[in-house]
Amino acid sequence: MTSQYLFNGLVINPAYAGSRDALAANLTYRHQWVGFDGAPVTQMLSVHAPMGRRKLGLGLLVYNDRIGVSQETGLFSNYAYRIRFRKGKLAFGIGAGFTMLRSQWSSVALQQSNDQSFAADTRSAFRPNFSSGVFYHHKKWFAGISTPFLILHRYTVGNEGWNISQSKGDLQPMVTGGYVFELTRDAKLKPSTLIRYRTSNGVQADISTNLILKDRIWVGASYRTGDAFIASLEVLPTAQWRIGYAYDLGLSRLAAYHQGSHGIMVQYEFGYRIRVKDPRYF
């Protein structure tokens, strides 16, 4: 889970590849539930650019995710085919890659110390995966639908370890969208949302808004249903650099056991020259 998905779009939608119309690199670090033993810590690097006279988009996503006794490293390539319209662009994307999982099961605190199911560690479980999505963006608004993981894996204790889940309820389709309203010459308002669905958990939504000042400073607030309030700040010192910070104030039953979640993002666009009449807001 990340609160800065709009500018690291490959995390949720492969069709985002090339949408910045520049070679863009994004580095994100997230520490979730600070102070909670074994809480998730994630690092993500995405690089993407338009290719083939901007009809194609290529991207690469690398991430490292640690939670509890498990550490997962993933590498995914992303491909998007882009169709230009008079006022916008429509992209169809697919992604393919793999993850490597390592788990120190022997370090788990057990009620039965001789439980053989946790006697051996998982050293390098290889798991392939795929993603798909559609993304449309206009100068003032965007919309997308995606499934970040098409293959679900489950761990069966005492059996063959990781296997492919046959439950369609494990898939988590996502819908995103947003619009930019011009309040004054120097101020704009950009509400947006991300809606995800899973059979076991139902619908969860991020409802967000950003106040954009002189296209240089973004002040944001979000509400993630049943989970957190989020405050964010992004600064664009130049047209190529974007630096952001997000803080999640937990609202779930876990809130009493942690001090919130922190996210830091740095983005750089190579060779990009922003046009005054057509800046990019997503």
C-alpha atoms as a PDB file:
ATOM      1  CA  MET A   1       0.000   0.000   0.000  1.00  0.00           C
ATOM      2  CA  THR A   2       1.382   3.395  -0.985  1.00  0.00           C
ATOM      3  CA  SER A   3       0.000   6.915  -0.644  1.00  0.00           C
ATOM      4  CA  GLN A   4       2.062   8.341  -3.538  1.00  0.00           C
ATOM      5  CA  TYR A   5       0.776   6.158  -6.364  1.00  0.00           C
ATOM      6  CA  LEU A   6      -0.159   8.998  -8.750  1.00  0.00           C
ATOM      7  CA  PHE A   7       3.473   9.712  -9.709  1.00  0.00           C
ATOM      8  CA  ASN A   8       4.683   6.132  -9.389  1.00  0.00           C
ATOM      9  CA  GLY A   9       1.873   4.763 -11.522  1.00  0.00           C
ATOM     10  CA  LEU A  10       3.660   1.593 -12.662  1.00  0.00           C
ATOM     11  CA  VAL A  11       3.026   0.219  -9.158  1.00  0.00           C
ATOM     12  CA  ILE A  12      -0.696  -0.087  -9.911  1.00  0.00           C
ATOM     13  CA  ASN A  13      -1.050   0.125 -13.704  1.00  0.00           C
ATOM     14  CA  PRO A  14       1.353  -1.000 -16.498  1.00  0.00           C
ATOM     15  CA  ALA A  15      -0.490   1.257 -18.978  1.00  0.00           C
ATOM     16  CA  TYR A  16       1.086   4.243 -17.178  1.00  0.00           C
ATOM     17  CA  ALA A  17       4.391   3.497 -18.949  1.00  0.00           C
ATOM     18  CA  GLY A  18       5.432   6.449 -21.123  1.00  0.00           C
ATOM     19  CA  SER A  19       2.575   8.683 -19.983  1.00  0.00           C
ATOM     20  CA  ARG A  20       4.906  11.426 -18.742  1.00  0.00           C
ATOM     21  CA  ASP A  21       6.204  11.883 -22.329  1.00  0.00           C
ATOM     22  CA  ALA A  22       9.756  11.852 -20.976  1.00  0.00           C
ATOM     23  CA  LEU A  23      12.254   9.428 -19.498  1.00  0.00           C
ATOM     24  CA  ALA A  24      11.045   9.503 -15.885  1.00  0.00           C
ATOM     25  CA  ALA A  25      12.663   7.874 -12.846  1.00  0.00           C
ATOM     26  CA  ASN A  26      10.857   7.626  -9.521  1.00  0.00           C
ATOM     27  CA  LEU A  27      12.249   6.402  -6.195  1.00  0.00           C
ATOM     28  CA  THR A  28       9.821   5.779  -3.319  1.00  0.00           C
ATOM     29  CA  TYR A  29      10.487   4.698   0.270  1.00  0.00           C
ATOM     30  CA  ARG A  30       7.664   3.781   2.639  1.00  0.00           C
ATOM     31  CA  HIS A  31       7.803   2.783   6.303  1.00  0.00           C
ATOM     32  CA  GLN A  32       4.353   1.636   7.363  1.00  0.00           C
ATOM     33  CA  TRP A  33       3.163   1.460  10.998  1.00  0.00           C
ATOM     34  CA  VAL A  34       6.312   2.920  12.565  1.00  0.00           C
ATOM     35  CA  GLY A  35       7.022   1.339  15.965  1.00  0.00           C
ATOM     36  CA  PHE A  36       5.100  -1.844  15.189  1.00  0.00           C
ATOM     37  CA  ASP A  37       7.365  -4.897  15.353  1.00  0.00           C
ATOM     38  CA  GLY A  38       7.675  -6.499  11.913  1.00  0.00           C
ATOM     39  CA  ALA A  39       5.815  -3.689  10.106  1.00  0.00           C
ATOM     40  CA  PRO A  40       6.145  -3.352   6.297  1.00  0.00           C
ATOM     41  CA  VAL A  41       9.099  -1.406   4.876  1.00  0.00           C
ATOM     42  CA  THR A  42       9.158  -0.926   1.094  1.00  0.00           C
ATOM     43  CA  GLN A  43      11.551   0.569  -1.477  1.00  0.00           C
ATOM     44  CA  MET A  44      10.435   1.018  -5.098  1.00  0.00           C
ATOM     45  CA  LEU A  45      12.220   2.251  -8.228  1.00  0.00           C
ATOM     46  CA  SER A  46      10.366   2.802 -11.484  1.00  0.00           C
ATOM     47  CA  VAL A  47      11.744   4.008 -14.822  1.00  0.00           C
ATOM     48  CA  HIS A  48       9.616   4.514 -17.941  1.00  0.00           C
ATOM     49  CA  ALA A  49       9.619   6.424 -21.221  1.00  0.00           C
ATOM     50  CA  PRO A  50       7.733   6.730 -24.534  1.00  0.00           C
ATOM     51  CA  MET A  51       9.206   4.878 -27.507  1.00  0.00           C
ATOM     52  CA  GLY A  52       8.531   4.410 -31.239  1.00  0.00           C
ATOM     53  CA  ARG A  53       7.387   7.955 -31.996  1.00  0.00           C
ATOM     54  CA  ARG A  54       5.534   7.906 -28.665  1.00  0.00           C
ATOM     55  CA  LYS A  55       3.141   5.133 -29.736  1.00  0.00           C
ATOM     56  CA  LEU A  56       4.736   2.732 -27.272  1.00  0.00           C
ATOM     57  CA  GLY A  57       5.655   3.051 -23.629  1.00  0.00           C
ATOM     58  CA  LEU A  58       8.255   0.918 -21.886  1.00  0.00           C
ATOM     59  CA  GLY A  59       8.821   0.712 -18.143  1.00  0.00           C
ATOM     60  CA  LEU A  60      10.736  -1.159 -15.484  1.00  0.00           C
ATOM     61  CA  LEU A  61       9.688  -1.562 -11.846  1.00  0.00           C
ATOM     62  CA  VAL A  62      11.953  -2.911  -9.107  1.00  0.00           C
ATOM     63  CA  TYR A  63      10.867  -3.184  -5.508  1.00  0.00           C
ATOM     64  CA  ASN A  64      11.964  -4.641  -2.201  1.00  0.00           C
ATOM     65  CA  ASP A  65       9.362  -5.324   0.472  1.00  0.00           C
ATOM     66  CA  ARG A  66       9.968  -6.569   4.006  1.00  0.00           C
ATOM     67  CA  ILE A  67       7.185  -7.562   6.399  1.00  0.00           C
ATOM     68  CA  GLY A  68       7.595  -9.683   9.499  1.00  0.00           C
ATOM     69  CA  VAL A  69      10.040 -12.518   8.833  1.00  0.00           C
ATOM     70  CA  SER A  70       9.579 -12.311   5.044  1.00  0.00           C
ATOM     71  CA  GLN A  71      11.388 -10.277   2.388  1.00  0.00           C
ATOM     72  CA  GLU A  72      10.200 -10.079  -1.213  1.00  0.00           C
ATOM     73  CA  THR A  73      12.117  -8.607  -4.165  1.00  0.00           C
ATOM     74  CA  GLY A  74      10.339  -8.053  -7.462  1.00  0.00           C
ATOM     75  CA  LEU A  75      11.307  -7.110 -11.022  1.00  0.00           C
ATOM     76  CA  PHE A  76       8.621  -6.253 -13.596  1.00  0.00           C
ATOM     77  CA  SER A  77       8.779  -4.990 -17.178  1.00  0.00           C
ATOM     78  CA  ASN A  78       5.843  -2.957 -18.457  1.00  0.00           C
ATOM     79  CA  TYR A  79       4.610  -2.361 -22.010  1.00  0.00           C
ATOM     80  CA  ALA A  80       1.960   0.122 -23.139  1.00  0.00           C
ATOM     81  CA  TYR A  81       0.440   0.759 -26.570  1.00  0.00           C
ATOM     82  CA  ARG A  82      -0.694   4.380 -26.815  1.00  0.00           C
ATOM     83  CA  ILE A  83      -3.402   5.799 -29.061  1.00  0.00           C
ATOM     84  CA  ARG A  84      -3.408   9.547 -29.559  1.00  0.00           C
ATOM     85  CA  PHE A  85      -6.699  11.441 -29.748  1.00  0.00           C
ATOM     86  CA  ARG A  86      -7.217  15.121 -30.406  1.00  0.00           C
ATOM     87  CA  LYS A  87      -7.421  15.995 -26.706  1.00  0.00           C
ATOM     88  CA  GLY A  88      -5.971  12.989 -24.928  1.00  0.00           C
ATOM     89  CA  LYS A  89      -4.212   9.627 -25.050  1.00  0.00           C
ATOM     90  CA  LEU A  90      -5.473   6.117 -24.400  1.00  0.00           C
ATOM     91  CA  ALA A  91      -3.014   3.377 -23.399  1.00  0.00           C
ATOM     92  CA  PHE A  92      -3.367  -0.391 -23.045  1.00  0.00           C
ATOM     93  CA  GLY A  93      -0.719  -1.984 -20.874  1.00  0.00           C
ATOM     94  CA  ILE A  94       0.605  -5.360 -19.799  1.00  0.00           C
ATOM     95  CA  GLY A  95       3.339  -6.230 -17.354  1.00  0.00           C
ATOM     96  CA  ALA A  96       5.404  -9.356 -16.777  1.00  0.00           C
ATOM     97  CA  GLY A  97       7.959 -10.195 -14.138  1.00  0.00           C
ATOM     98  CA  PHE A  98       8.805 -12.221 -11.106  1.00  0.00           C
ATOM     99  CA  THR A  99       9.325 -12.020  -7.371  1.00  0.00           C
ATOM    100  CA  MET A 100      11.838 -13.767  -5.122  1.00  0.00           C
ATOM    101  CA  LEU A 101      10.717 -14.524  -1.588  1.00  0.00           C
ATOM    102  CA  ARG A 102      12.882 -15.267   1.442  1.00  0.00           C
ATOM    103  CA  SER A 103      11.376 -16.072   4.842  1.00  0.00           C
ATOM    104  CA  GLN A 104      13.021 -16.880   8.166  1.00  0.00           C
ATOM    105  CA  TRP A 105      10.315 -19.171   9.514  1.00  0.00           C
ATOM    106  CA  SER A 106      12.704 -20.530  12.136  1.00  0.00           C
ATOM    107  CA  SER A 107      12.708 -17.117  13.868  1.00  0.00           C
ATOM    108  CA  VAL A 108       8.934 -17.100  14.446  1.00  0.00           C
ATOM    109  CA  ALA A 109       7.862 -17.246  18.107  1.00  0.00           C
ATOM    110  CA  LEU A 110       5.916 -20.513  18.442  1.00  0.00           C
ATOM    111  CA  GLN A 111       3.589 -21.907  21.084  1.00  0.00           C
ATOM    112  CA  GLN A 112       4.897 -25.370  20.209  1.00  0.00           C
ATOM    113  CA  SER A 113       8.672 -25.150  19.968  1.00  0.00           C
ATOM    114  CA  ASN A 114       8.940 -28.463  18.090  1.00  0.00           C
ATOM    115  CA  ASP A 115       6.569 -27.491  15.264  1.00  0.00           C
ATOM    116  CA  GLN A 116       8.370 -28.845  12.192  1.00  0.00           C
ATOM    117  CA  SER A 117       6.292 -26.712   9.813  1.00  0.00           C
ATOM    118  CA  PHE A 118       8.471 -23.732  10.756  1.00  0.00           C
ATOM    119  CA  ALA A 119      11.769 -25.563  11.183  1.00  0.00           C
ATOM    120  CA  ALA A 120      13.215 -24.652   7.763  1.00  0.00           C
ATOM    121  CA  ASP A 121      13.570 -21.235   6.131  1.00  0.00           C
ATOM    122  CA  THR A 122      12.406 -20.304   2.621  1.00  0.00           C
ATOM    123  CA  ARG A 123      15.600 -19.178   0.898  1.00  0.00           C
ATOM    124  CA  SER A 124      14.549 -18.245  -2.648  1.00  0.00           C
ATOM    125  CA  ALA A 125      10.984 -18.943  -3.741  1.00  0.00           C
ATOM    126  CA  PHE A 126      10.628 -17.858  -7.397  1.00  0.00           C
ATOM    127  CA  ARG A 127       7.144 -16.653  -8.376  1.00  0.00           C
ATOM    128  CA  PRO A 128       6.226 -15.327 -11.875  1.00  0.00           C
ATOM    129  CA  ASN A 129       3.406 -12.832 -12.292  1.00  0.00           C
ATOM    130  CA  PHE A 130       1.597 -10.563 -14.774  1.00  0.00           C
ATOM    131  CA  SER A 131      -0.400  -7.334 -14.698  1.00  0.00           C
ATOM    132  CA  SER A 132      -2.765  -5.508 -17.046  1.00  0.00           C
ATOM    133  CA  GLY A 133      -4.449  -2.126 -17.294  1.00  0.00           C
ATOM    134  CA  VAL A 134      -5.954   0.706 -19.320  1.00  0.00           C
ATOM    135  CA  PHE A 135      -5.107   4.372 -18.795  1.00  0.00           C
ATOM    136  CA  TYR A 136      -6.568   7.502 -20.417  1.00  0.00           C
ATOM    137  CA  HIS A 137      -5.321  11.001 -19.716  1.00  0.00           C
ATOM    138  CA  HIS A 138      -6.362  14.431 -20.868  1.00  0.00           C
ATOM    139  CA  LYS A 139      -4.731  17.744 -19.993  1.00  0.00           C
ATOM    140  CA  LYS A 140      -7.232  18.214 -17.158  1.00  0.00           C
ATOM    141  CA  TRP A 141      -8.338  14.703 -16.150  1.00  0.00           C
ATOM    142  CA  PHE A 142      -7.379  11.031 -16.118  1.00  0.00           C
ATOM    143  CA  ALA A 143      -8.964   7.608 -15.557  1.00  0.00           C
ATOM    144  CA  GLY A 144      -7.579   4.095 -15.324  1.00  0.00           C
ATOM    145  CA  ILE A 145      -8.493   0.531 -14.500  1.00  0.00           C
ATOM    146  CA  SER A 146      -5.974  -2.180 -13.699  1.00  0.00           C
ATOM    147  CA  THR A 147      -5.160  -5.466 -12.014  1.00  0.00           C
ATOM    148  CA  PRO A 148      -1.622  -5.217 -10.583  1.00  0.00           C
ATOM    149  CA  PHE A 149      -1.256  -8.981 -10.035  1.00  0.00           C
ATOM    150  CA  LEU A 150      -3.005 -11.557 -12.227  1.00  0.00           C
ATOM    151  CA  ILE A 151      -1.512 -14.594 -10.468  1.00  0.00           C
ATOM    152  CA  LEU A 152      -2.048 -15.008  -6.738  1.00  0.00           C
ATOM    153  CA  HIS A 153       0.191 -17.163  -4.572  1.00  0.00           C
ATOM    154  CA  ARG A 154      -0.538 -18.661  -1.174  1.00  0.00           C
ATOM    155  CA  TYR A 155       1.726 -20.305   1.357  1.00  0.00           C
ATOM    156  CA  THR A 156       0.568 -23.676   2.655  1.00  0.00           C
ATOM    157  CA  VAL A 157       2.223 -24.639   5.944  1.00  0.00           C
ATOM    158  CA  GLY A 158       3.415 -28.228   6.009  1.00  0.00           C
ATOM    159  CA  ASN A 159       2.762 -28.779   2.299  1.00  0.00           C
ATOM    160  CA  GLU A 160       4.586 -27.705  -0.863  1.00  0.00           C
ATOM    161  CA  GLY A 161       5.106 -24.108   0.257  1.00  0.00           C
ATOM    162  CA  TRP A 162       4.022 -21.429  -2.222  1.00  0.00           C
ATOM    163  CA  ASN A 163       1.394 -22.414  -4.793  1.00  0.00           C
ATOM    164  CA  ILE A 164      -0.954 -20.651  -7.185  1.00  0.00           C
ATOM    165  CA  SER A 165      -4.268 -19.624  -5.689  1.00  0.00           C
ATOM    166  CA  GLN A 166      -7.351 -20.666  -7.633  1.00  0.00           C
ATOM    167  CA  SER A 167      -9.599 -18.144  -5.897  1.00  0.00           C
ATOM    168  CA  LYS A 168     -10.741 -15.282  -8.116  1.00  0.00           C
ATOM    169  CA  GLY A 169     -11.633 -13.461  -4.913  1.00  0.00           C
ATOM    170  CA  ASP A 170      -7.928 -12.860  -4.304  1.00  0.00           C
ATOM    171  CA  LEU A 171      -7.648 -10.589  -7.355  1.00  0.00           C
ATOM    172  CA  GLN A 172      -7.768  -6.871  -6.562  1.00  0.00           C
ATOM    173  CA  PRO A 173      -8.974  -4.787  -9.532  1.00  0.00           C
ATOM    174  CA  MET A 174      -8.432  -1.042  -9.142  1.00  0.00           C
ATOM    175  CA  VAL A 175     -10.062   2.043 -10.628  1.00  0.00           C
ATOM    176  CA  THR A 176      -8.413   5.475 -10.531  1.00  0.00           C
ATOM    177  CA  GLY A 177      -9.529   8.909 -11.671  1.00  0.00           C
ATOM    178  CA  GLY A 178      -9.029  12.609 -11.106  1.00  0.00           C
ATOM    179  CA  TYR A 179      -9.721  16.113 -12.436  1.00  0.00           C
ATOM    180  CA  VAL A 180      -7.922  19.475 -12.244  1.00  0.00           C
ATOM    181  CA  PHE A 181     -10.004  22.594 -11.479  1.00  0.00           C
ATOM    182  CA  GLU A 182      -8.470  26.023 -12.065  1.00  0.00           C
ATOM    183  CA  LEU A 183      -9.354  28.259  -9.111  1.00  0.00           C
ATOM    184  CA  THR A 184      -7.165  31.237  -9.996  1.00  0.00           C
ATOM    185  CA  ARG A 185      -4.182  31.843 -12.227  1.00  0.00           C
ATOM    186  CA  ASP A 186      -1.850  30.550  -9.512  1.00  0.00           C
ATOM    187  CA  ALA A 187      -4.043  28.010  -7.720  1.00  0.00           C
ATOM    188  CA  LYS A 188      -5.632  24.743  -8.852  1.00  0.00           C
ATOM    189  CA  LEU A 189      -7.515  21.982  -7.089  1.00  0.00           C
ATOM    190  CA  LYS A 190      -7.079  18.346  -8.088  1.00  0.00           C
ATOM    191  CA  PRO A 191      -9.452  15.824  -6.488  1.00  0.00           C
ATOM    192  CA  SER A 192      -8.754  12.172  -7.261  1.00  0.00           C
ATOM    193  CA  THR A 193      -9.672   8.700  -6.099  1.00  0.00           C
ATOM    194  CA  LEU A 194      -8.418   5.128  -6.110  1.00  0.00           C
ATOM    195  CA  ILE A 195     -10.964   2.339  -5.566  1.00  0.00           C
ATOM    196  CA  ARG A 196      -9.897  -1.272  -4.997  1.00  0.00           C
ATOM    197  CA  TYR A 197     -12.059  -4.347  -4.500  1.00  0.00           C
ATOM    198  CA  ARG A 198     -11.450  -7.739  -2.944  1.00  0.00           C
ATOM    199  CA  THR A 199     -14.100 -10.318  -2.130  1.00  0.00           C
ATOM    200  CA  SER A 200     -12.908 -10.906   1.435  1.00  0.00           C
ATOM    201  CA  ASN A 201     -12.507  -7.202   2.308  1.00  0.00           C
ATOM    202  CA  GLY A 202     -15.049  -5.510   0.061  1.00  0.00           C
ATOM    203  CA  VAL A 203     -14.446  -2.037  -1.406  1.00  0.00           C
ATOM    204  CA  GLN A 204     -11.723   0.269  -0.118  1.00  0.00           C
ATOM    205  CA  ALA A 205     -11.225   3.773  -1.495  1.00  0.00           C
ATOM    206  CA  ASP A 206      -8.676   6.568  -1.305  1.00  0.00           C
ATOM    207  CA  ILE A 207     -10.438   9.940  -1.579  1.00  0.00           C
ATOM    208  CA  SER A 208      -7.848  12.651  -2.141  1.00  0.00           C
ATOM    209  CA  THR A 209      -7.463  16.285  -3.040  1.00  0.00           C
ATOM    210  CA  ASN A 210      -4.418  18.443  -3.785  1.00  0.00           C
ATOM    211  CA  LEU A 211      -4.121  22.211  -3.743  1.00  0.00           C
ATOM    212  CA  ILE A 212      -1.555  23.214  -6.394  1.00  0.00           C
ATOM    213  CA  LEU A 213       0.127  26.598  -5.919  1.00  0.00           C
ATOM    214  CA  LYS A 214       1.930  28.136  -8.890  1.00  0.00           C
ATOM    215  CA  ASP A 215       2.500  24.611 -10.273  1.00  0.00           C
ATOM    216  CA  ARG A 216       5.368  24.295  -7.779  1.00  0.00           C
ATOM    217  CA  ILE A 217       3.851  23.349  -4.421  1.00  0.00           C
ATOM    218  CA  TRP A 218       1.282  20.594  -3.855  1.00  0.00           C
ATOM    219  CA  VAL A 219      -0.520  20.365  -0.500  1.00  0.00           C
ATOM    220  CA  GLY A 220      -2.639  17.233  -0.235  1.00  0.00           C
ATOM    221  CA  ALA A 221      -5.108  15.485   2.064  1.00  0.00           C
ATOM    222  CA  SER A 222      -6.617  12.020   1.687  1.00  0.00           C
ATOM    223  CA  TYR A 223      -8.911   9.614   3.464  1.00  0.00           C
ATOM    224  CA  ARG A 224      -8.471   5.865   3.048  1.00  0.00           C
ATOM    225  CA  THR A 225     -11.713   4.244   4.122  1.00  0.00           C
ATOM    226  CA  GLY A 226     -11.396   2.342   7.363  1.00  0.00           C
ATOM    227  CA  ASP A 227      -7.638   2.849   7.511  1.00  0.00           C
ATOM    228  CA  ALA A 228      -6.070   6.322   7.632  1.00  0.00           C
ATOM    229  CA  PHE A 229      -6.068  10.058   7.108  1.00  0.00           C
ATOM    230  CA  ILE A 230      -3.151  11.139   4.911  1.00  0.00           C
ATOM    231  CA  ALA A 231      -1.349  14.476   4.645  1.00  0.00           C
ATOM    232  CA  SER A 232       1.151  15.099   1.857  1.00  0.00           C
ATOM    233  CA  LEU A 233       3.454  17.797   0.555  1.00  0.00           C
ATOM    234  CA  GLU A 234       5.236  17.884  -2.800  1.00  0.00           C
ATOM    235  CA  VAL A 235       7.675  20.480  -4.052  1.00  0.00           C
ATOM    236  CA  LEU A 236       8.894  21.007  -7.621  1.00  0.00           C
ATOM    237  CA  PRO A 237      12.118  23.041  -7.336  1.00  0.00           C
ATOM    238  CA  THR A 238      12.528  22.772 -11.132  1.00  0.00           C
ATOM    239  CA  ALA A 239      10.416  21.405 -13.976  1.00  0.00           C
ATOM    240  CA  GLN A 240      12.368  18.144 -13.816  1.00  0.00           C
ATOM    241  CA  TRP A 241      12.520  17.464 -10.069  1.00  0.00           C
ATOM    242  CA  ARG A 242       9.651  16.420  -7.783  1.00  0.00           C
ATOM    243  CA  ILE A 243      10.187  15.760  -4.071  1.00  0.00           C
ATOM    244  CA  GLY A 244       7.331  14.508  -1.915  1.00  0.00           C
ATOM    245  CA  TYR A 245       6.475  13.391   1.613  1.00  0.00           C
ATOM    246  CA  ALA A 246       3.325  11.696   2.923  1.00  0.00           C
ATOM    247  CA  TYR A 247       2.218  10.861   6.460  1.00  0.00           C
ATOM    248  CA  ASP A 248      -0.572   8.391   7.234  1.00  0.00           C
ATOM    249  CA  LEU A 249      -2.429   8.801  10.534  1.00  0.00           C
ATOM    250  CA  GLY A 250      -3.870   5.361  11.266  1.00  0.00           C
ATOM    251  CA  LEU A 251      -7.560   4.907  12.091  1.00  0.00           C
ATOM    252  CA  SER A 252      -7.826   1.118  12.278  1.00  0.00           C
ATOM    253  CA  ARG A 253      -7.589  -0.993  15.450  1.00  0.00           C
ATOM    254  CA  LEU A 254      -3.817  -1.137  14.907  1.00  0.00           C
ATOM    255  CA  ALA A 255      -3.525   2.633  15.428  1.00  0.00           C
ATOM    256  CA  ALA A 256      -2.927   2.233  19.163  1.00  0.00           C
ATOM    257  CA  TYR A 257       0.234   0.199  18.469  1.00  0.00           C
ATOM    258  CA  HIS A 258       2.115   2.387  15.977  1.00  0.00           C
ATOM    259  CA  GLN A 259       3.043   6.009  15.223  1.00  0.00           C
ATOM    260  CA  GLY A 260       1.705   6.276  11.699  1.00  0.00           C
ATOM    261  CA  SER A 261       3.281   5.636   8.295  1.00  0.00           C
ATOM    262  CA  HIS A 262       5.837   7.699   6.361  1.00  0.00           C
ATOM    263  CA  GLY A 263       6.479   7.887   2.633  1.00  0.00           C
ATOM    264  CA  ILE A 264       9.219   9.759   0.748  1.00  0.00           C
ATOM    265  CA  MET A 265       9.335  10.151  -3.035  1.00  0.00           C
ATOM    266  CA  VAL A 266      11.893  11.641  -5.432  1.00  0.00           C
ATOM    267  CA  GLN A 267      11.243  11.910  -9.172  1.00  0.00           C
ATOM    268  CA  TYR A 268      13.426  13.175 -12.004  1.00  0.00           C
ATOM    269  CA  GLU A 269      12.524  13.581 -15.670  1.00  0.00           C
ATOM    270  CA  PHE A 270      15.434  13.535 -18.096  1.00  0.00           C
ATOM    271  CA  GLY A 271      15.497  16.072 -20.919  1.00  0.00           C
ATOM    272  CA  TYR A 272      12.038  17.326 -20.041  1.00  0.00           C
ATOM    273  CA  ARG A 273      11.052  20.949 -20.624  1.00  0.00           C
ATOM    274  CA  ILE A 274       7.690  21.823 -19.198  1.00  0.00           C
ATOM    275  CA  ARG A 275       5.458  24.091 -21.255  1.00  0.00           C
ATOM    276  CA  VAL A 276       3.798  26.929 -19.362  1.00  0.00           C
ATOM    277  CA  LYS A 277       0.453  26.372 -21.107  1.00  0.00           C
ATOM    278  CA  ASP A 278       0.448  22.602 -20.630  1.00  0.00           C
ATOM    279  CA  PRO A 279       1.981  21.437 -17.327  1.00  0.00           C
ATOM    280  CA  ARG A 280       1.505  17.836 -16.165  1.00  0.00           C
ATOM    281  CA  TYR A 281      -0.636  17.146 -13.102  1.00  0.00           C
ATOM    282  CA  PHE A 282      -0.490  13.327 -13.016  1.00  0.00           C
END
